[in-house]
Amino acid sequence: EVELLAGDEGPTGQFRSIARCTFANAKMMTSPYQPCKFTAVTARYLKVKPLSNNGDYFGRGRIMEWQLLGQLER
């Protein structure tokens, strides 16, 4: 389970929670990609905060790739 947070002030500034997502074990899925949907937001920074460590995947570096899909606003 992870929490996604968005912020505008910088990497050490204030962040607001935009979603909490729970993922299934990727070994049991036909695709390694699992969506975490949230409402549209504008932010300069995104933070991913682990809430549970099923198997300590964050500590051992097993989550290798994050992909954020969306549109850049100018």
PDB file of N, CA and C in Angstrom:
ATOM      1  N   GLU A   1       0.849  -1.170   0.000  1.00  0.00           N
ATOM      2  CA  GLU A   1       0.000   0.000   0.000  1.00  0.00           C
ATOM      3  C   GLU A   1       0.895   1.232   0.000  1.00  0.00           C
ATOM      4  N   VAL A   2       0.557   2.208  -0.832  1.00  0.00           N
ATOM      5  CA  VAL A   2       1.317   3.455  -0.897  1.00  0.00           C
ATOM      6  C   VAL A   2       0.356   4.638  -0.855  1.00  0.00           C
ATOM      7  N   GLU A   3       0.903   5.777  -0.466  1.00  0.00           N
ATOM      8  CA  GLU A   3       0.168   7.032  -0.509  1.00  0.00           C
ATOM      9  C   GLU A   3       0.892   7.948  -1.484  1.00  0.00           C
ATOM     10  N   LEU A   4       0.141   8.577  -2.369  1.00  0.00           N
ATOM     11  CA  LEU A   4       0.704   9.551  -3.298  1.00  0.00           C
ATOM     12  C   LEU A   4       0.424  10.940  -2.751  1.00  0.00           C
ATOM     13  N   LEU A   5       1.463  11.776  -2.761  1.00  0.00           N
ATOM     14  CA  LEU A   5       1.328  13.133  -2.263  1.00  0.00           C
ATOM     15  C   LEU A   5       1.834  14.103  -3.328  1.00  0.00           C
ATOM     16  N   ALA A   6       1.212  15.262  -3.421  1.00  0.00           N
ATOM     17  CA  ALA A   6       1.592  16.269  -4.407  1.00  0.00           C
ATOM     18  C   ALA A   6       1.964  17.558  -3.688  1.00  0.00           C
ATOM     19  N   GLY A   7       2.928  18.280  -4.258  1.00  0.00           N
ATOM     20  CA  GLY A   7       3.350  19.541  -3.663  1.00  0.00           C
ATOM     21  C   GLY A   7       3.885  20.498  -4.707  1.00  0.00           C
ATOM     22  N   ASP A   8       3.985  21.771  -4.333  1.00  0.00           N
ATOM     23  CA  ASP A   8       4.472  22.810  -5.241  1.00  0.00           C
ATOM     24  C   ASP A   8       5.681  23.564  -4.701  1.00  0.00           C
ATOM     25  N   GLU A   9       5.958  23.444  -3.410  1.00  0.00           N
ATOM     26  CA  GLU A   9       6.967  24.280  -2.768  1.00  0.00           C
ATOM     27  C   GLU A   9       8.393  23.760  -2.894  1.00  0.00           C
ATOM     28  N   GLY A  10       8.578  22.544  -3.309  1.00  0.00           N
ATOM     29  CA  GLY A  10       9.914  21.960  -3.405  1.00  0.00           C
ATOM     30  C   GLY A  10       9.924  20.592  -2.763  1.00  0.00           C
ATOM     31  N   PRO A  11      11.020  19.869  -2.908  1.00  0.00           N
ATOM     32  CA  PRO A  11      11.091  18.504  -2.386  1.00  0.00           C
ATOM     33  C   PRO A  11      10.930  18.413  -0.868  1.00  0.00           C
ATOM     34  N   THR A  12      11.221  19.474  -0.153  1.00  0.00           N
ATOM     35  CA  THR A  12      11.090  19.445   1.304  1.00  0.00           C
ATOM     36  C   THR A  12       9.934  20.305   1.799  1.00  0.00           C
ATOM     37  N   GLY A  13       9.103  20.809   0.903  1.00  0.00           N
ATOM     38  CA  GLY A  13       7.982  21.670   1.277  1.00  0.00           C
ATOM     39  C   GLY A  13       6.749  20.888   1.681  1.00  0.00           C
ATOM     40  N   GLN A  14       5.639  21.590   1.740  1.00  0.00           N
ATOM     41  CA  GLN A  14       4.358  20.986   2.102  1.00  0.00           C
ATOM     42  C   GLN A  14       3.848  20.086   0.982  1.00  0.00           C
ATOM     43  N   PHE A  15       3.275  18.943   1.356  1.00  0.00           N
ATOM     44  CA  PHE A  15       2.662  18.016   0.412  1.00  0.00           C
ATOM     45  C   PHE A  15       1.243  17.716   0.871  1.00  0.00           C
ATOM     46  N   ARG A  16       0.360  17.444  -0.085  1.00  0.00           N
ATOM     47  CA  ARG A  16      -1.017  17.067   0.226  1.00  0.00           C
ATOM     48  C   ARG A  16      -1.279  15.675  -0.345  1.00  0.00           C
ATOM     49  N   SER A  17      -2.054  14.895   0.373  1.00  0.00           N
ATOM     50  CA  SER A  17      -2.371  13.539  -0.058  1.00  0.00           C
ATOM     51  C   SER A  17      -3.358  13.590  -1.221  1.00  0.00           C
ATOM     52  N   ILE A  18      -3.077  12.813  -2.271  1.00  0.00           N
ATOM     53  CA  ILE A  18      -3.983  12.763  -3.419  1.00  0.00           C
ATOM     54  C   ILE A  18      -4.542  11.365  -3.651  1.00  0.00           C
ATOM     55  N   ALA A  19      -3.935  10.330  -3.073  1.00  0.00           N
ATOM     56  CA  ALA A  19      -4.454   8.964  -3.250  1.00  0.00           C
ATOM     57  C   ALA A  19      -3.745   7.999  -2.315  1.00  0.00           C
ATOM     58  N   ARG A  20      -4.470   6.921  -1.999  1.00  0.00           N
ATOM     59  CA  ARG A  20      -3.896   5.757  -1.318  1.00  0.00           C
ATOM     60  C   ARG A  20      -4.224   4.555  -2.183  1.00  0.00           C
ATOM     61  N   CYS A  21      -3.230   3.756  -2.472  1.00  0.00           N
ATOM     62  CA  CYS A  21      -3.430   2.626  -3.381  1.00  0.00           C
ATOM     63  C   CYS A  21      -2.857   1.353  -2.787  1.00  0.00           C
ATOM     64  N   THR A  22      -3.588   0.271  -2.992  1.00  0.00           N
ATOM     65  CA  THR A  22      -3.152  -1.049  -2.567  1.00  0.00           C
ATOM     66  C   THR A  22      -2.945  -1.887  -3.821  1.00  0.00           C
ATOM     67  N   PHE A  23      -1.838  -2.595  -3.874  1.00  0.00           N
ATOM     68  CA  PHE A  23      -1.489  -3.376  -5.057  1.00  0.00           C
ATOM     69  C   PHE A  23      -1.456  -4.860  -4.721  1.00  0.00           C
ATOM     70  N   ALA A  24      -1.767  -5.658  -5.722  1.00  0.00           N
ATOM     71  CA  ALA A  24      -1.697  -7.111  -5.580  1.00  0.00           C
ATOM     72  C   ALA A  24      -0.263  -7.573  -5.822  1.00  0.00           C
ATOM     73  N   ASN A  25       0.039  -8.770  -5.406  1.00  0.00           N
ATOM     74  CA  ASN A  25       1.350  -9.354  -5.648  1.00  0.00           C
ATOM     75  C   ASN A  25       1.552  -9.478  -7.163  1.00  0.00           C
ATOM     76  N   ALA A  26       2.568  -8.827  -7.699  1.00  0.00           N
ATOM     77  CA  ALA A  26       2.805  -8.805  -9.150  1.00  0.00           C
ATOM     78  C   ALA A  26       3.044 -10.206  -9.712  1.00  0.00           C
ATOM     79  N   LYS A  27       3.528 -11.119  -8.906  1.00  0.00           N
ATOM     80  CA  LYS A  27       3.764 -12.485  -9.387  1.00  0.00           C
ATOM     81  C   LYS A  27       2.458 -13.197  -9.705  1.00  0.00           C
ATOM     82  N   MET A  28       1.357 -12.700  -9.157  1.00  0.00           N
ATOM     83  CA  MET A  28       0.060 -13.320  -9.388  1.00  0.00           C
ATOM     84  C   MET A  28      -0.705 -12.634 -10.523  1.00  0.00           C
ATOM     85  N   MET A  29      -0.123 -11.610 -11.124  1.00  0.00           N
ATOM     86  CA  MET A  29      -0.793 -10.833 -12.159  1.00  0.00           C
ATOM     87  C   MET A  29      -0.257 -11.225 -13.532  1.00  0.00           C
ATOM     88  N   THR A  30      -1.087 -11.070 -14.556  1.00  0.00           N
ATOM     89  CA  THR A  30      -0.618 -11.332 -15.918  1.00  0.00           C
ATOM     90  C   THR A  30       0.216 -10.168 -16.437  1.00  0.00           C
ATOM     91  N   SER A  31       0.006  -8.980 -15.889  1.00  0.00           N
ATOM     92  CA  SER A  31       0.784  -7.798 -16.259  1.00  0.00           C
ATOM     93  C   SER A  31       1.431  -7.238 -14.994  1.00  0.00           C
ATOM     94  N   PRO A  32       2.671  -6.778 -15.080  1.00  0.00           N
ATOM     95  CA  PRO A  32       3.310  -6.224 -13.889  1.00  0.00           C
ATOM     96  C   PRO A  32       2.822  -4.811 -13.559  1.00  0.00           C
ATOM     97  N   TYR A  33       1.992  -4.212 -14.400  1.00  0.00           N
ATOM     98  CA  TYR A  33       1.537  -2.840 -14.205  1.00  0.00           C
ATOM     99  C   TYR A  33       0.179  -2.816 -13.530  1.00  0.00           C
ATOM    100  N   GLN A  34       0.065  -2.009 -12.491  1.00  0.00           N
ATOM    101  CA  GLN A  34      -1.180  -1.865 -11.772  1.00  0.00           C
ATOM    102  C   GLN A  34      -1.463  -0.379 -11.584  1.00  0.00           C
ATOM    103  N   PRO A  35      -2.649   0.075 -11.957  1.00  0.00           N
ATOM    104  CA  PRO A  35      -2.940   1.502 -11.862  1.00  0.00           C
ATOM    105  C   PRO A  35      -3.248   1.953 -10.437  1.00  0.00           C
ATOM    106  N   CYS A  36      -2.968   3.201 -10.190  1.00  0.00           N
ATOM    107  CA  CYS A  36      -3.341   3.890  -8.962  1.00  0.00           C
ATOM    108  C   CYS A  36      -3.998   5.178  -9.430  1.00  0.00           C
ATOM    109  N   LYS A  37      -5.314   5.204  -9.436  1.00  0.00           N
ATOM    110  CA  LYS A  37      -6.035   6.338 -10.016  1.00  0.00           C
ATOM    111  C   LYS A  37      -6.342   7.396  -8.965  1.00  0.00           C
ATOM    112  N   PHE A  38      -6.303   8.654  -9.412  1.00  0.00           N
ATOM    113  CA  PHE A  38      -6.633   9.777  -8.550  1.00  0.00           C
ATOM    114  C   PHE A  38      -7.175  10.906  -9.408  1.00  0.00           C
ATOM    115  N   THR A  39      -7.868  11.841  -8.786  1.00  0.00           N
ATOM    116  CA  THR A  39      -8.432  12.962  -9.534  1.00  0.00           C
ATOM    117  C   THR A  39      -7.314  13.858 -10.047  1.00  0.00           C
ATOM    118  N   ALA A  40      -7.613  14.612 -11.070  1.00  0.00           N
ATOM    119  CA  ALA A  40      -6.614  15.500 -11.679  1.00  0.00           C
ATOM    120  C   ALA A  40      -6.121  16.531 -10.660  1.00  0.00           C
ATOM    121  N   VAL A  41      -4.814  16.729 -10.642  1.00  0.00           N
ATOM    122  CA  VAL A  41      -4.200  17.713  -9.750  1.00  0.00           C
ATOM    123  C   VAL A  41      -3.129  18.467 -10.530  1.00  0.00           C
ATOM    124  N   THR A  42      -2.759  19.616 -10.025  1.00  0.00           N
ATOM    125  CA  THR A  42      -1.589  20.316 -10.551  1.00  0.00           C
ATOM    126  C   THR A  42      -0.568  20.367  -9.422  1.00  0.00           C
ATOM    127  N   ALA A  43       0.649  20.030  -9.736  1.00  0.00           N
ATOM    128  CA  ALA A  43       1.721  20.016  -8.742  1.00  0.00           C
ATOM    129  C   ALA A  43       3.059  19.987  -9.465  1.00  0.00           C
ATOM    130  N   ARG A  44       4.074  20.415  -8.793  1.00  0.00           N
ATOM    131  CA  ARG A  44       5.424  20.352  -9.349  1.00  0.00           C
ATOM    132  C   ARG A  44       6.172  19.106  -8.876  1.00  0.00           C
ATOM    133  N   TYR A  45       5.736  18.540  -7.752  1.00  0.00           N
ATOM    134  CA  TYR A  45       6.441  17.409  -7.159  1.00  0.00           C
ATOM    135  C   TYR A  45       5.452  16.313  -6.774  1.00  0.00           C
ATOM    136  N   LEU A  46       5.889  15.083  -6.921  1.00  0.00           N
ATOM    137  CA  LEU A  46       5.106  13.918  -6.521  1.00  0.00           C
ATOM    138  C   LEU A  46       5.946  13.098  -5.558  1.00  0.00           C
ATOM    139  N   LYS A  47       5.341  12.698  -4.459  1.00  0.00           N
ATOM    140  CA  LYS A  47       6.038  11.881  -3.467  1.00  0.00           C
ATOM    141  C   LYS A  47       5.266  10.577  -3.314  1.00  0.00           C
ATOM    142  N   VAL A  48       5.971   9.462  -3.273  1.00  0.00           N
ATOM    143  CA  VAL A  48       5.368   8.151  -3.046  1.00  0.00           C
ATOM    144  C   VAL A  48       5.805   7.689  -1.656  1.00  0.00           C
ATOM    145  N   LYS A  49       4.837   7.494  -0.789  1.00  0.00           N
ATOM    146  CA  LYS A  49       5.126   7.126   0.598  1.00  0.00           C
ATOM    147  C   LYS A  49       4.630   5.706   0.848  1.00  0.00           C
ATOM    148  N   PRO A  50       5.522   4.761   1.158  1.00  0.00           N
ATOM    149  CA  PRO A  50       5.079   3.399   1.460  1.00  0.00           C
ATOM    150  C   PRO A  50       4.332   3.369   2.790  1.00  0.00           C
ATOM    151  N   LEU A  51       3.177   2.717   2.809  1.00  0.00           N
ATOM    152  CA  LEU A  51       2.386   2.588   4.035  1.00  0.00           C
ATOM    153  C   LEU A  51       2.480   1.197   4.626  1.00  0.00           C
ATOM    154  N   SER A  52       2.770   0.219   3.794  1.00  0.00           N
ATOM    155  CA  SER A  52       2.993  -1.139   4.277  1.00  0.00           C
ATOM    156  C   SER A  52       4.146  -1.719   3.478  1.00  0.00           C
ATOM    157  N   ASN A  53       4.804  -2.700   4.033  1.00  0.00           N
ATOM    158  CA  ASN A  53       6.014  -3.227   3.397  1.00  0.00           C
ATOM    159  C   ASN A  53       5.922  -4.712   3.126  1.00  0.00           C
ATOM    160  N   ASN A  54       4.841  -5.151   2.581  1.00  0.00           N
ATOM    161  CA  ASN A  54       4.676  -6.583   2.319  1.00  0.00           C
ATOM    162  C   ASN A  54       5.910  -7.150   1.633  1.00  0.00           C
ATOM    163  N   GLY A  55       6.774  -7.750   2.374  1.00  0.00           N
ATOM    164  CA  GLY A  55       7.992  -8.321   1.823  1.00  0.00           C
ATOM    165  C   GLY A  55       9.125  -7.317   1.718  1.00  0.00           C
ATOM    166  N   ASP A  56       8.966  -6.116   2.260  1.00  0.00           N
ATOM    167  CA  ASP A  56      10.011  -5.089   2.266  1.00  0.00           C
ATOM    168  C   ASP A  56      10.508  -4.764   0.864  1.00  0.00           C
ATOM    169  N   TYR A  57       9.605  -4.616  -0.096  1.00  0.00           N
ATOM    170  CA  TYR A  57      10.016  -4.327  -1.472  1.00  0.00           C
ATOM    171  C   TYR A  57      10.681  -2.973  -1.619  1.00  0.00           C
ATOM    172  N   PHE A  58      10.310  -1.995  -0.805  1.00  0.00           N
ATOM    173  CA  PHE A  58      10.958  -0.690  -0.905  1.00  0.00           C
ATOM    174  C   PHE A  58      12.391  -0.766  -0.403  1.00  0.00           C
ATOM    175  N   GLY A  59      12.599  -1.445   0.709  1.00  0.00           N
ATOM    176  CA  GLY A  59      13.934  -1.522   1.297  1.00  0.00           C
ATOM    177  C   GLY A  59      14.927  -2.275   0.437  1.00  0.00           C
ATOM    178  N   ARG A  60      14.474  -3.236  -0.324  1.00  0.00           N
ATOM    179  CA  ARG A  60      15.391  -4.035  -1.145  1.00  0.00           C
ATOM    180  C   ARG A  60      15.452  -3.562  -2.595  1.00  0.00           C
ATOM    181  N   GLY A  61      14.761  -2.497  -2.910  1.00  0.00           N
ATOM    182  CA  GLY A  61      14.819  -1.965  -4.266  1.00  0.00           C
ATOM    183  C   GLY A  61      14.073  -2.786  -5.295  1.00  0.00           C
ATOM    184  N   ARG A  62      13.050  -3.499  -4.908  1.00  0.00           N
ATOM    185  CA  ARG A  62      12.338  -4.360  -5.853  1.00  0.00           C
ATOM    186  C   ARG A  62      11.339  -3.603  -6.709  1.00  0.00           C
ATOM    187  N   ILE A  63      10.919  -2.434  -6.273  1.00  0.00           N
ATOM    188  CA  ILE A  63      10.064  -1.612  -7.129  1.00  0.00           C
ATOM    189  C   ILE A  63      11.010  -0.817  -8.008  1.00  0.00           C
ATOM    190  N   MET A  64      11.075  -1.200  -9.260  1.00  0.00           N
ATOM    191  CA  MET A  64      12.098  -0.673 -10.140  1.00  0.00           C
ATOM    192  C   MET A  64      11.649   0.501 -10.988  1.00  0.00           C
ATOM    193  N   GLU A  65      10.347   0.652 -11.194  1.00  0.00           N
ATOM    194  CA  GLU A  65       9.917   1.689 -12.123  1.00  0.00           C
ATOM    195  C   GLU A  65       8.550   2.235 -11.734  1.00  0.00           C
ATOM    196  N   TRP A  66       8.426   3.541 -11.792  1.00  0.00           N
ATOM    197  CA  TRP A  66       7.154   4.226 -11.619  1.00  0.00           C
ATOM    198  C   TRP A  66       6.887   4.980 -12.900  1.00  0.00           C
ATOM    199  N   GLN A  67       5.667   5.016 -13.316  1.00  0.00           N
ATOM    200  CA  GLN A  67       5.316   5.765 -14.511  1.00  0.00           C
ATOM    201  C   GLN A  67       4.106   6.617 -14.190  1.00  0.00           C
ATOM    202  N   LEU A  68       4.243   7.928 -14.383  1.00  0.00           N
ATOM    203  CA  LEU A  68       3.153   8.853 -14.129  1.00  0.00           C
ATOM    204  C   LEU A  68       2.616   9.317 -15.464  1.00  0.00           C
ATOM    205  N   LEU A  69       1.353   9.013 -15.716  1.00  0.00           N
ATOM    206  CA  LEU A  69       0.727   9.387 -16.973  1.00  0.00           C
ATOM    207  C   LEU A  69      -0.142  10.615 -16.756  1.00  0.00           C
ATOM    208  N   GLY A  70      -0.170  11.483 -17.723  1.00  0.00           N
ATOM    209  CA  GLY A  70      -1.001  12.686 -17.613  1.00  0.00           C
ATOM    210  C   GLY A  70      -0.578  13.722 -18.635  1.00  0.00           C
ATOM    211  N   GLN A  71      -1.042  14.915 -18.436  1.00  0.00           N
ATOM    212  CA  GLN A  71      -0.729  16.025 -19.345  1.00  0.00           C
ATOM    213  C   GLN A  71      -0.030  17.125 -18.562  1.00  0.00           C
ATOM    214  N   LEU A  72       0.957  17.715 -19.168  1.00  0.00           N
ATOM    215  CA  LEU A  72       1.643  18.843 -18.559  1.00  0.00           C
ATOM    216  C   LEU A  72       0.862  20.115 -18.872  1.00  0.00           C
ATOM    217  N   GLU A  73       0.595  20.893 -17.826  1.00  0.00           N
ATOM    218  CA  GLU A  73      -0.068  22.180 -18.006  1.00  0.00           C
ATOM    219  C   GLU A  73       1.012  23.257 -18.082  1.00  0.00           C
ATOM    220  N   ARG A  74       0.799  24.188 -18.911  1.00  0.00           N
ATOM    221  CA  ARG A  74       1.770  25.290 -19.034  1.00  0.00           C
ATOM    222  C   ARG A  74       1.175  26.583 -18.598  1.00  0.00           C
TER     223      ARG A  74
END
